[in-house]
Amino acid sequence: MAEIAEVIMIVCFGASWPFNVIKSYKARTAKGKSPVFLCLIIIGYIAGIVSKFLNEAYMAAIGEKWYVLFFYFLNLLMVSADLIIYFRNRMLDKRSGI
């Protein structure tokens, strides 16, 4: 049951990140974004991934439960993309004098 709850959590987070990335890209401004927040989320996803690799029971059943790690990595990728877009947008802000 705990694994099901974890999958629901990670899928819900994962479903929201693409919308956030698209919004950041279209906004073309870094206003309202916090790189510290994004870095903390990235650290959290990395910790979640490491915890899976250190969990012997999970690793023994990875053939059946690979999808959990897949969503952790996908979410990590989305948040990392948002952080990259933040720096692009900050550069655009500097060019426009904002």
C-alpha atoms as a PDB file:
ATOM      1  CA  MET A   1       0.000   0.000   0.000  1.00  0.00           C
ATOM      2  CA  ALA A   2       2.871   2.394   0.776  1.00  0.00           C
ATOM      3  CA  GLU A   3       4.275   1.854  -2.713  1.00  0.00           C
ATOM      4  CA  ILE A   4       0.919   2.699  -4.296  1.00  0.00           C
ATOM      5  CA  ALA A   5       0.759   5.945  -2.308  1.00  0.00           C
ATOM      6  CA  GLU A   6       4.309   6.782  -3.379  1.00  0.00           C
ATOM      7  CA  VAL A   7       3.481   6.154  -7.028  1.00  0.00           C
ATOM      8  CA  ILE A   8       0.374   8.348  -6.778  1.00  0.00           C
ATOM      9  CA  MET A   9       2.446  11.126  -5.194  1.00  0.00           C
ATOM     10  CA  ILE A  10       5.216  10.946  -7.775  1.00  0.00           C
ATOM     11  CA  VAL A  11       2.777  10.773 -10.715  1.00  0.00           C
ATOM     12  CA  CYS A  12       0.788  13.762  -9.427  1.00  0.00           C
ATOM     13  CA  PHE A  13       3.963  15.797  -9.010  1.00  0.00           C
ATOM     14  CA  GLY A  14       5.139  14.604 -12.404  1.00  0.00           C
ATOM     15  CA  ALA A  15       1.896  15.629 -14.088  1.00  0.00           C
ATOM     16  CA  SER A  16       2.235  19.188 -12.829  1.00  0.00           C
ATOM     17  CA  TRP A  17       5.875  19.840 -13.797  1.00  0.00           C
ATOM     18  CA  PRO A  18       5.389  19.917 -17.600  1.00  0.00           C
ATOM     19  CA  PHE A  19       2.749  22.653 -17.191  1.00  0.00           C
ATOM     20  CA  ASN A  20       5.147  24.620 -15.011  1.00  0.00           C
ATOM     21  CA  VAL A  21       8.003  24.223 -17.506  1.00  0.00           C
ATOM     22  CA  ILE A  22       5.808  25.378 -20.402  1.00  0.00           C
ATOM     23  CA  LYS A  23       4.575  28.354 -18.392  1.00  0.00           C
ATOM     24  CA  SER A  24       8.152  29.324 -17.491  1.00  0.00           C
ATOM     25  CA  TYR A  25       9.271  29.029 -21.098  1.00  0.00           C
ATOM     26  CA  LYS A  26       6.403  31.147 -22.427  1.00  0.00           C
ATOM     27  CA  ALA A  27       6.704  33.771 -19.673  1.00  0.00           C
ATOM     28  CA  ARG A  28      10.241  34.721 -20.774  1.00  0.00           C
ATOM     29  CA  THR A  29      10.877  36.244 -17.356  1.00  0.00           C
ATOM     30  CA  ALA A  30      12.413  34.943 -14.153  1.00  0.00           C
ATOM     31  CA  LYS A  31      10.073  37.040 -12.013  1.00  0.00           C
ATOM     32  CA  GLY A  32       8.268  34.951  -9.450  1.00  0.00           C
ATOM     33  CA  LYS A  33      10.638  31.995  -9.769  1.00  0.00           C
ATOM     34  CA  SER A  34      12.914  30.782  -7.008  1.00  0.00           C
ATOM     35  CA  PRO A  35      16.061  28.905  -8.032  1.00  0.00           C
ATOM     36  CA  VAL A  36      16.547  27.894  -4.388  1.00  0.00           C
ATOM     37  CA  PHE A  37      13.118  26.221  -4.397  1.00  0.00           C
ATOM     38  CA  LEU A  38      13.897  24.395  -7.643  1.00  0.00           C
ATOM     39  CA  CYS A  39      17.278  23.250  -6.287  1.00  0.00           C
ATOM     40  CA  LEU A  40      15.636  21.931  -3.122  1.00  0.00           C
ATOM     41  CA  ILE A  41      13.146  19.968  -5.227  1.00  0.00           C
ATOM     42  CA  ILE A  42      16.012  18.583  -7.328  1.00  0.00           C
ATOM     43  CA  ILE A  43      17.867  17.529  -4.171  1.00  0.00           C
ATOM     44  CA  GLY A  44      14.681  15.859  -2.926  1.00  0.00           C
ATOM     45  CA  TYR A  45      14.265  13.856  -6.130  1.00  0.00           C
ATOM     46  CA  ILE A  46      17.933  12.843  -6.060  1.00  0.00           C
ATOM     47  CA  ALA A  47      17.503  11.701  -2.449  1.00  0.00           C
ATOM     48  CA  GLY A  48      14.435   9.694  -3.475  1.00  0.00           C
ATOM     49  CA  ILE A  49      16.377   8.041  -6.296  1.00  0.00           C
ATOM     50  CA  VAL A  50      19.314   7.244  -4.007  1.00  0.00           C
ATOM     51  CA  SER A  51      16.927   5.798  -1.410  1.00  0.00           C
ATOM     52  CA  LYS A  52      15.544   3.415  -4.038  1.00  0.00           C
ATOM     53  CA  PHE A  53      19.016   2.234  -5.002  1.00  0.00           C
ATOM     54  CA  LEU A  54      19.909   1.707  -1.334  1.00  0.00           C
ATOM     55  CA  ASN A  55      16.685  -0.206  -0.578  1.00  0.00           C
ATOM     56  CA  GLU A  56      17.568  -3.889  -0.939  1.00  0.00           C
ATOM     57  CA  ALA A  57      13.925  -5.006  -1.084  1.00  0.00           C
ATOM     58  CA  TYR A  58      13.194  -2.527  -3.877  1.00  0.00           C
ATOM     59  CA  MET A  59      16.300  -3.495  -5.825  1.00  0.00           C
ATOM     60  CA  ALA A  60      15.399  -7.180  -5.515  1.00  0.00           C
ATOM     61  CA  ALA A  61      12.071  -6.423  -7.189  1.00  0.00           C
ATOM     62  CA  ILE A  62      13.246  -3.743  -9.632  1.00  0.00           C
ATOM     63  CA  GLY A  63      12.062  -5.801 -12.599  1.00  0.00           C
ATOM     64  CA  GLU A  64       8.511  -5.377 -11.351  1.00  0.00           C
ATOM     65  CA  LYS A  65       8.836  -1.889  -9.866  1.00  0.00           C
ATOM     66  CA  TRP A  66      11.062  -0.082 -12.383  1.00  0.00           C
ATOM     67  CA  TYR A  67       8.318   2.456 -13.089  1.00  0.00           C
ATOM     68  CA  VAL A  68       8.801   4.135  -9.696  1.00  0.00           C
ATOM     69  CA  LEU A  69      12.389   5.049 -10.541  1.00  0.00           C
ATOM     70  CA  PHE A  70      11.305   6.032 -14.037  1.00  0.00           C
ATOM     71  CA  PHE A  71       8.948   8.670 -12.620  1.00  0.00           C
ATOM     72  CA  TYR A  72      11.584   9.931 -10.177  1.00  0.00           C
ATOM     73  CA  PHE A  73      14.010  10.427 -13.070  1.00  0.00           C
ATOM     74  CA  LEU A  74      11.319  11.994 -15.270  1.00  0.00           C
ATOM     75  CA  ASN A  75      10.390  14.463 -12.533  1.00  0.00           C
ATOM     76  CA  LEU A  76      14.061  15.243 -11.926  1.00  0.00           C
ATOM     77  CA  LEU A  77      14.426  15.976 -15.625  1.00  0.00           C
ATOM     78  CA  MET A  78      11.390  18.293 -15.626  1.00  0.00           C
ATOM     79  CA  VAL A  79      12.541  20.286 -12.601  1.00  0.00           C
ATOM     80  CA  SER A  80      16.053  20.522 -14.037  1.00  0.00           C
ATOM     81  CA  ALA A  81      14.579  21.852 -17.292  1.00  0.00           C
ATOM     82  CA  ASP A  82      12.641  24.444 -15.297  1.00  0.00           C
ATOM     83  CA  LEU A  83      15.861  25.508 -13.560  1.00  0.00           C
ATOM     84  CA  ILE A  84      17.632  25.860 -16.918  1.00  0.00           C
ATOM     85  CA  ILE A  85      14.715  27.929 -18.226  1.00  0.00           C
ATOM     86  CA  TYR A  86      14.951  30.095 -15.097  1.00  0.00           C
ATOM     87  CA  PHE A  87      18.540  31.002 -15.985  1.00  0.00           C
ATOM     88  CA  ARG A  88      17.559  31.634 -19.615  1.00  0.00           C
ATOM     89  CA  ASN A  89      14.738  33.883 -18.454  1.00  0.00           C
ATOM     90  CA  ARG A  90      17.025  35.710 -16.030  1.00  0.00           C
ATOM     91  CA  MET A  91      19.359  36.423 -18.932  1.00  0.00           C
ATOM     92  CA  LEU A  92      16.400  37.685 -20.983  1.00  0.00           C
ATOM     93  CA  ASP A  93      15.401  39.911 -18.061  1.00  0.00           C
ATOM     94  CA  LYS A  94      18.898  41.421 -17.918  1.00  0.00           C
ATOM     95  CA  ARG A  95      18.875  42.076 -21.667  1.00  0.00           C
ATOM     96  CA  SER A  96      15.541  43.849 -21.460  1.00  0.00           C
ATOM     97  CA  GLY A  97      16.588  45.842 -18.394  1.00  0.00           C
ATOM     98  CA  ILE A  98      14.104  44.291 -16.007  1.00  0.00           C
END
